[in-house]
Amino acid sequence: TLPTGGTAKFYSPLNVENFLKKSSIISFSKKAINDLGESCALLADTEGLTAHAKSVRVRLENKGE
């Protein structure tokens, strides 16, 4: 027997959510990117997300476009 503590009767360890890809879509206005962009880039750099930081900085150079 498996050490499930009896939960296997009512809980499946595998369900349809295991096969779905979750995505987030985030939208920033031009004003928001201009106001918060450098902070976002700094946070991304701190977390080692250099491509994300570069993406924000490119948007800042393009005035939020």
PDB file of N, CA and C in Angstrom:
ATOM      1  N   THR A   1       0.834  -1.194   0.000  1.00  0.00           N
ATOM      2  CA  THR A   1       0.000   0.000   0.000  1.00  0.00           C
ATOM      3  C   THR A   1       0.876   1.255   0.000  1.00  0.00           C
ATOM      4  N   LEU A   2       0.292   2.327  -0.496  1.00  0.00           N
ATOM      5  CA  LEU A   2       0.998   3.602  -0.527  1.00  0.00           C
ATOM      6  C   LEU A   2       0.743   4.392   0.755  1.00  0.00           C
ATOM      7  N   PRO A   3       1.711   5.169   1.190  1.00  0.00           N
ATOM      8  CA  PRO A   3       1.543   5.951   2.424  1.00  0.00           C
ATOM      9  C   PRO A   3       0.747   7.233   2.186  1.00  0.00           C
ATOM     10  N   THR A   4      -0.499   7.089   1.816  1.00  0.00           N
ATOM     11  CA  THR A   4      -1.331   8.259   1.521  1.00  0.00           C
ATOM     12  C   THR A   4      -2.191   8.686   2.699  1.00  0.00           C
ATOM     13  N   GLY A   5      -2.181   7.921   3.756  1.00  0.00           N
ATOM     14  CA  GLY A   5      -3.008   8.265   4.907  1.00  0.00           C
ATOM     15  C   GLY A   5      -4.491   8.198   4.601  1.00  0.00           C
ATOM     16  N   GLY A   6      -4.865   7.429   3.583  1.00  0.00           N
ATOM     17  CA  GLY A   6      -6.274   7.293   3.220  1.00  0.00           C
ATOM     18  C   GLY A   6      -6.791   8.378   2.296  1.00  0.00           C
ATOM     19  N   THR A   7      -5.971   9.367   1.977  1.00  0.00           N
ATOM     20  CA  THR A   7      -6.462  10.461   1.134  1.00  0.00           C
ATOM     21  C   THR A   7      -6.669  10.045  -0.313  1.00  0.00           C
ATOM     22  N   ALA A   8      -6.081   8.945  -0.729  1.00  0.00           N
ATOM     23  CA  ALA A   8      -6.253   8.492  -2.113  1.00  0.00           C
ATOM     24  C   ALA A   8      -7.705   8.168  -2.428  1.00  0.00           C
ATOM     25  N   LYS A   9      -8.516   7.973  -1.409  1.00  0.00           N
ATOM     26  CA  LYS A   9      -9.941   7.688  -1.623  1.00  0.00           C
ATOM     27  C   LYS A   9     -10.668   8.900  -2.204  1.00  0.00           C
ATOM     28  N   PHE A  10     -10.216  10.102  -1.861  1.00  0.00           N
ATOM     29  CA  PHE A  10     -10.937  11.299  -2.296  1.00  0.00           C
ATOM     30  C   PHE A  10     -10.049  12.333  -2.993  1.00  0.00           C
ATOM     31  N   TYR A  11      -8.761  12.088  -3.109  1.00  0.00           N
ATOM     32  CA  TYR A  11      -7.868  13.052  -3.749  1.00  0.00           C
ATOM     33  C   TYR A  11      -6.934  12.328  -4.707  1.00  0.00           C
ATOM     34  N   SER A  12      -6.926  12.771  -5.942  1.00  0.00           N
ATOM     35  CA  SER A  12      -6.053  12.180  -6.946  1.00  0.00           C
ATOM     36  C   SER A  12      -4.768  12.993  -7.032  1.00  0.00           C
ATOM     37  N   PRO A  13      -3.603  12.353  -7.024  1.00  0.00           N
ATOM     38  CA  PRO A  13      -2.361  13.106  -7.125  1.00  0.00           C
ATOM     39  C   PRO A  13      -2.139  13.699  -8.518  1.00  0.00           C
ATOM     40  N   LEU A  14      -2.900  13.233  -9.495  1.00  0.00           N
ATOM     41  CA  LEU A  14      -2.766  13.720 -10.855  1.00  0.00           C
ATOM     42  C   LEU A  14      -4.128  14.181 -11.336  1.00  0.00           C
ATOM     43  N   ASN A  15      -4.199  15.404 -11.839  1.00  0.00           N
ATOM     44  CA  ASN A  15      -5.472  15.905 -12.345  1.00  0.00           C
ATOM     45  C   ASN A  15      -5.233  16.726 -13.604  1.00  0.00           C
ATOM     46  N   VAL A  16      -6.283  17.253 -14.160  1.00  0.00           N
ATOM     47  CA  VAL A  16      -6.188  17.963 -15.435  1.00  0.00           C
ATOM     48  C   VAL A  16      -5.277  19.192 -15.342  1.00  0.00           C
ATOM     49  N   GLU A  17      -5.160  19.811 -14.181  1.00  0.00           N
ATOM     50  CA  GLU A  17      -4.293  20.981 -14.027  1.00  0.00           C
ATOM     51  C   GLU A  17      -2.825  20.644 -14.248  1.00  0.00           C
ATOM     52  N   ASN A  18      -2.452  19.383 -14.051  1.00  0.00           N
ATOM     53  CA  ASN A  18      -1.078  18.972 -14.296  1.00  0.00           C
ATOM     54  C   ASN A  18      -0.705  19.050 -15.775  1.00  0.00           C
ATOM     55  N   PHE A  19      -1.689  19.120 -16.657  1.00  0.00           N
ATOM     56  CA  PHE A  19      -1.440  19.135 -18.090  1.00  0.00           C
ATOM     57  C   PHE A  19      -1.694  20.501 -18.723  1.00  0.00           C
ATOM     58  N   LEU A  20      -2.016  21.503 -17.918  1.00  0.00           N
ATOM     59  CA  LEU A  20      -2.281  22.843 -18.421  1.00  0.00           C
ATOM     60  C   LEU A  20      -1.065  23.732 -18.213  1.00  0.00           C
ATOM     61  N   LYS A  21      -0.815  24.601 -19.158  1.00  0.00           N
ATOM     62  CA  LYS A  21       0.245  25.586 -19.018  1.00  0.00           C
ATOM     63  C   LYS A  21      -0.382  26.879 -18.510  1.00  0.00           C
ATOM     64  N   LYS A  22       0.131  27.373 -17.411  1.00  0.00           N
ATOM     65  CA  LYS A  22      -0.384  28.616 -16.842  1.00  0.00           C
ATOM     66  C   LYS A  22       0.481  29.772 -17.322  1.00  0.00           C
ATOM     67  N   SER A  23      -0.170  30.836 -17.770  1.00  0.00           N
ATOM     68  CA  SER A  23       0.528  32.027 -18.252  1.00  0.00           C
ATOM     69  C   SER A  23      -0.100  33.263 -17.636  1.00  0.00           C
ATOM     70  N   SER A  24       0.718  34.274 -17.457  1.00  0.00           N
ATOM     71  CA  SER A  24       0.227  35.560 -16.970  1.00  0.00           C
ATOM     72  C   SER A  24       0.472  36.603 -18.046  1.00  0.00           C
ATOM     73  N   ILE A  25      -0.508  37.442 -18.260  1.00  0.00           N
ATOM     74  CA  ILE A  25      -0.365  38.546 -19.200  1.00  0.00           C
ATOM     75  C   ILE A  25      -0.431  39.828 -18.385  1.00  0.00           C
ATOM     76  N   ILE A  26       0.624  40.608 -18.473  1.00  0.00           N
ATOM     77  CA  ILE A  26       0.717  41.830 -17.686  1.00  0.00           C
ATOM     78  C   ILE A  26       0.812  43.010 -18.641  1.00  0.00           C
ATOM     79  N   SER A  27       0.053  44.032 -18.359  1.00  0.00           N
ATOM     80  CA  SER A  27       0.036  45.210 -19.219  1.00  0.00           C
ATOM     81  C   SER A  27       0.421  46.439 -18.398  1.00  0.00           C
ATOM     82  N   PHE A  28       1.316  47.238 -18.950  1.00  0.00           N
ATOM     83  CA  PHE A  28       1.715  48.493 -18.328  1.00  0.00           C
ATOM     84  C   PHE A  28       1.401  49.612 -19.299  1.00  0.00           C
ATOM     85  N   SER A  29       0.857  50.687 -18.799  1.00  0.00           N
ATOM     86  CA  SER A  29       0.643  51.865 -19.644  1.00  0.00           C
ATOM     87  C   SER A  29       1.993  52.551 -19.877  1.00  0.00           C
ATOM     88  N   LYS A  30       2.028  53.463 -20.827  1.00  0.00           N
ATOM     89  CA  LYS A  30       3.260  54.223 -21.082  1.00  0.00           C
ATOM     90  C   LYS A  30       3.696  54.964 -19.822  1.00  0.00           C
ATOM     91  N   LYS A  31       2.719  55.550 -19.134  1.00  0.00           N
ATOM     92  CA  LYS A  31       3.033  56.286 -17.906  1.00  0.00           C
ATOM     93  C   LYS A  31       3.620  55.355 -16.854  1.00  0.00           C
ATOM     94  N   ALA A  32       3.018  54.179 -16.699  1.00  0.00           N
ATOM     95  CA  ALA A  32       3.496  53.235 -15.689  1.00  0.00           C
ATOM     96  C   ALA A  32       4.916  52.769 -15.990  1.00  0.00           C
ATOM     97  N   ILE A  33       5.199  52.459 -17.249  1.00  0.00           N
ATOM     98  CA  ILE A  33       6.548  51.997 -17.588  1.00  0.00           C
ATOM     99  C   ILE A  33       7.560  53.114 -17.375  1.00  0.00           C
ATOM    100  N   ASN A  34       7.167  54.345 -17.675  1.00  0.00           N
ATOM    101  CA  ASN A  34       8.080  55.472 -17.454  1.00  0.00           C
ATOM    102  C   ASN A  34       8.272  55.767 -15.969  1.00  0.00           C
ATOM    103  N   ASP A  35       7.223  55.584 -15.169  1.00  0.00           N
ATOM    104  CA  ASP A  35       7.308  55.834 -13.725  1.00  0.00           C
ATOM    105  C   ASP A  35       8.027  54.710 -12.978  1.00  0.00           C
ATOM    106  N   LEU A  36       7.760  53.467 -13.347  1.00  0.00           N
ATOM    107  CA  LEU A  36       8.237  52.318 -12.575  1.00  0.00           C
ATOM    108  C   LEU A  36       9.296  51.481 -13.277  1.00  0.00           C
ATOM    109  N   GLY A  37       9.582  51.805 -14.519  1.00  0.00           N
ATOM    110  CA  GLY A  37      10.462  50.964 -15.322  1.00  0.00           C
ATOM    111  C   GLY A  37      11.821  50.706 -14.715  1.00  0.00           C
ATOM    112  N   GLU A  38      12.491  51.737 -14.258  1.00  0.00           N
ATOM    113  CA  GLU A  38      13.840  51.537 -13.718  1.00  0.00           C
ATOM    114  C   GLU A  38      13.802  50.684 -12.457  1.00  0.00           C
ATOM    115  N   SER A  39      12.773  50.838 -11.629  1.00  0.00           N
ATOM    116  CA  SER A  39      12.633  49.980 -10.444  1.00  0.00           C
ATOM    117  C   SER A  39      12.413  48.526 -10.853  1.00  0.00           C
ATOM    118  N   CYS A  40      11.603  48.325 -11.887  1.00  0.00           N
ATOM    119  CA  CYS A  40      11.362  46.965 -12.395  1.00  0.00           C
ATOM    120  C   CYS A  40      12.649  46.357 -12.932  1.00  0.00           C
ATOM    121  N   ALA A  41      13.418  47.156 -13.667  1.00  0.00           N
ATOM    122  CA  ALA A  41      14.678  46.667 -14.227  1.00  0.00           C
ATOM    123  C   ALA A  41      15.668  46.319 -13.116  1.00  0.00           C
ATOM    124  N   LEU A  42      15.733  47.146 -12.088  1.00  0.00           N
ATOM    125  CA  LEU A  42      16.616  46.877 -10.955  1.00  0.00           C
ATOM    126  C   LEU A  42      16.219  45.580 -10.252  1.00  0.00           C
ATOM    127  N   LEU A  43      14.925  45.389 -10.051  1.00  0.00           N
ATOM    128  CA  LEU A  43      14.440  44.153  -9.436  1.00  0.00           C
ATOM    129  C   LEU A  43      14.803  42.948 -10.296  1.00  0.00           C
ATOM    130  N   ALA A  44      14.599  43.068 -11.604  1.00  0.00           N
ATOM    131  CA  ALA A  44      14.933  41.970 -12.517  1.00  0.00           C
ATOM    132  C   ALA A  44      16.428  41.663 -12.457  1.00  0.00           C
ATOM    133  N   ASP A  45      17.268  42.698 -12.448  1.00  0.00           N
ATOM    134  CA  ASP A  45      18.718  42.486 -12.326  1.00  0.00           C
ATOM    135  C   ASP A  45      19.059  41.771 -11.028  1.00  0.00           C
ATOM    136  N   THR A  46      18.442  42.201  -9.939  1.00  0.00           N
ATOM    137  CA  THR A  46      18.699  41.609  -8.628  1.00  0.00           C
ATOM    138  C   THR A  46      18.337  40.129  -8.607  1.00  0.00           C
ATOM    139  N   GLU A  47      17.281  39.773  -9.320  1.00  0.00           N
ATOM    140  CA  GLU A  47      16.835  38.378  -9.363  1.00  0.00           C
ATOM    141  C   GLU A  47      17.551  37.572 -10.446  1.00  0.00           C
ATOM    142  N   GLY A  48      18.491  38.199 -11.150  1.00  0.00           N
ATOM    143  CA  GLY A  48      19.237  37.493 -12.184  1.00  0.00           C
ATOM    144  C   GLY A  48      18.492  37.358 -13.499  1.00  0.00           C
ATOM    145  N   LEU A  49      17.452  38.152 -13.680  1.00  0.00           N
ATOM    146  CA  LEU A  49      16.640  38.103 -14.901  1.00  0.00           C
ATOM    147  C   LEU A  49      17.105  39.214 -15.842  1.00  0.00           C
ATOM    148  N   THR A  50      18.315  39.062 -16.347  1.00  0.00           N
ATOM    149  CA  THR A  50      18.937  40.136 -17.118  1.00  0.00           C
ATOM    150  C   THR A  50      18.199  40.449 -18.413  1.00  0.00           C
ATOM    151  N   ALA A  51      17.637  39.450 -19.069  1.00  0.00           N
ATOM    152  CA  ALA A  51      16.893  39.715 -20.307  1.00  0.00           C
ATOM    153  C   ALA A  51      15.631  40.524 -20.016  1.00  0.00           C
ATOM    154  N   HIS A  52      14.985  40.258 -18.883  1.00  0.00           N
ATOM    155  CA  HIS A  52      13.802  41.032 -18.500  1.00  0.00           C
ATOM    156  C   HIS A  52      14.201  42.485 -18.221  1.00  0.00           C
ATOM    157  N   ALA A  53      15.314  42.656 -17.517  1.00  0.00           N
ATOM    158  CA  ALA A  53      15.790  44.015 -17.222  1.00  0.00           C
ATOM    159  C   ALA A  53      16.102  44.763 -18.512  1.00  0.00           C
ATOM    160  N   LYS A  54      16.760  44.087 -19.440  1.00  0.00           N
ATOM    161  CA  LYS A  54      17.092  44.721 -20.719  1.00  0.00           C
ATOM    162  C   LYS A  54      15.827  45.104 -21.477  1.00  0.00           C
ATOM    163  N   SER A  55      14.819  44.239 -21.445  1.00  0.00           N
ATOM    164  CA  SER A  55      13.553  44.513 -22.122  1.00  0.00           C
ATOM    165  C   SER A  55      12.902  45.784 -21.574  1.00  0.00           C
ATOM    166  N   VAL A  56      12.909  45.933 -20.261  1.00  0.00           N
ATOM    167  CA  VAL A  56      12.326  47.131 -19.644  1.00  0.00           C
ATOM    168  C   VAL A  56      13.124  48.366 -20.048  1.00  0.00           C
ATOM    169  N   ARG A  57      14.440  48.251 -20.028  1.00  0.00           N
ATOM    170  CA  ARG A  57      15.274  49.410 -20.368  1.00  0.00           C
ATOM    171  C   ARG A  57      15.113  49.815 -21.831  1.00  0.00           C
ATOM    172  N   VAL A  58      14.923  48.862 -22.716  1.00  0.00           N
ATOM    173  CA  VAL A  58      14.655  49.184 -24.123  1.00  0.00           C
ATOM    174  C   VAL A  58      13.354  49.958 -24.228  1.00  0.00           C
ATOM    175  N   ARG A  59      12.339  49.538 -23.479  1.00  0.00           N
ATOM    176  CA  ARG A  59      11.063  50.256 -23.498  1.00  0.00           C
ATOM    177  C   ARG A  59      11.222  51.675 -22.953  1.00  0.00           C
ATOM    178  N   LEU A  60      12.050  51.820 -21.925  1.00  0.00           N
ATOM    179  CA  LEU A  60      12.304  53.159 -21.384  1.00  0.00           C
ATOM    180  C   LEU A  60      12.989  54.045 -22.419  1.00  0.00           C
ATOM    181  N   GLU A  61      13.937  53.483 -23.156  1.00  0.00           N
ATOM    182  CA  GLU A  61      14.619  54.251 -24.208  1.00  0.00           C
ATOM    183  C   GLU A  61      13.649  54.661 -25.310  1.00  0.00           C
ATOM    184  N   ASN A  62      12.632  53.833 -25.533  1.00  0.00           N
ATOM    185  CA  ASN A  62      11.630  54.115 -26.571  1.00  0.00           C
ATOM    186  C   ASN A  62      10.428  54.868 -26.012  1.00  0.00           C
ATOM    187  N   LYS A  63      10.585  55.469 -24.839  1.00  0.00           N
ATOM    188  CA  LYS A  63       9.532  56.272 -24.197  1.00  0.00           C
ATOM    189  C   LYS A  63       8.246  55.484 -23.970  1.00  0.00           C
ATOM    190  N   GLY A  64       8.377  54.227 -23.554  1.00  0.00           N
ATOM    191  CA  GLY A  64       7.198  53.427 -23.221  1.00  0.00           C
ATOM    192  C   GLY A  64       6.505  52.795 -24.395  1.00  0.00           C
ATOM    193  N   GLU A  65       7.072  52.888 -25.567  1.00  0.00           N
ATOM    194  CA  GLU A  65       6.450  52.283 -26.761  1.00  0.00           C
ATOM    195  C   GLU A  65       6.637  50.781 -26.747  1.00  0.00           C
TER     196      GLU A  65
END
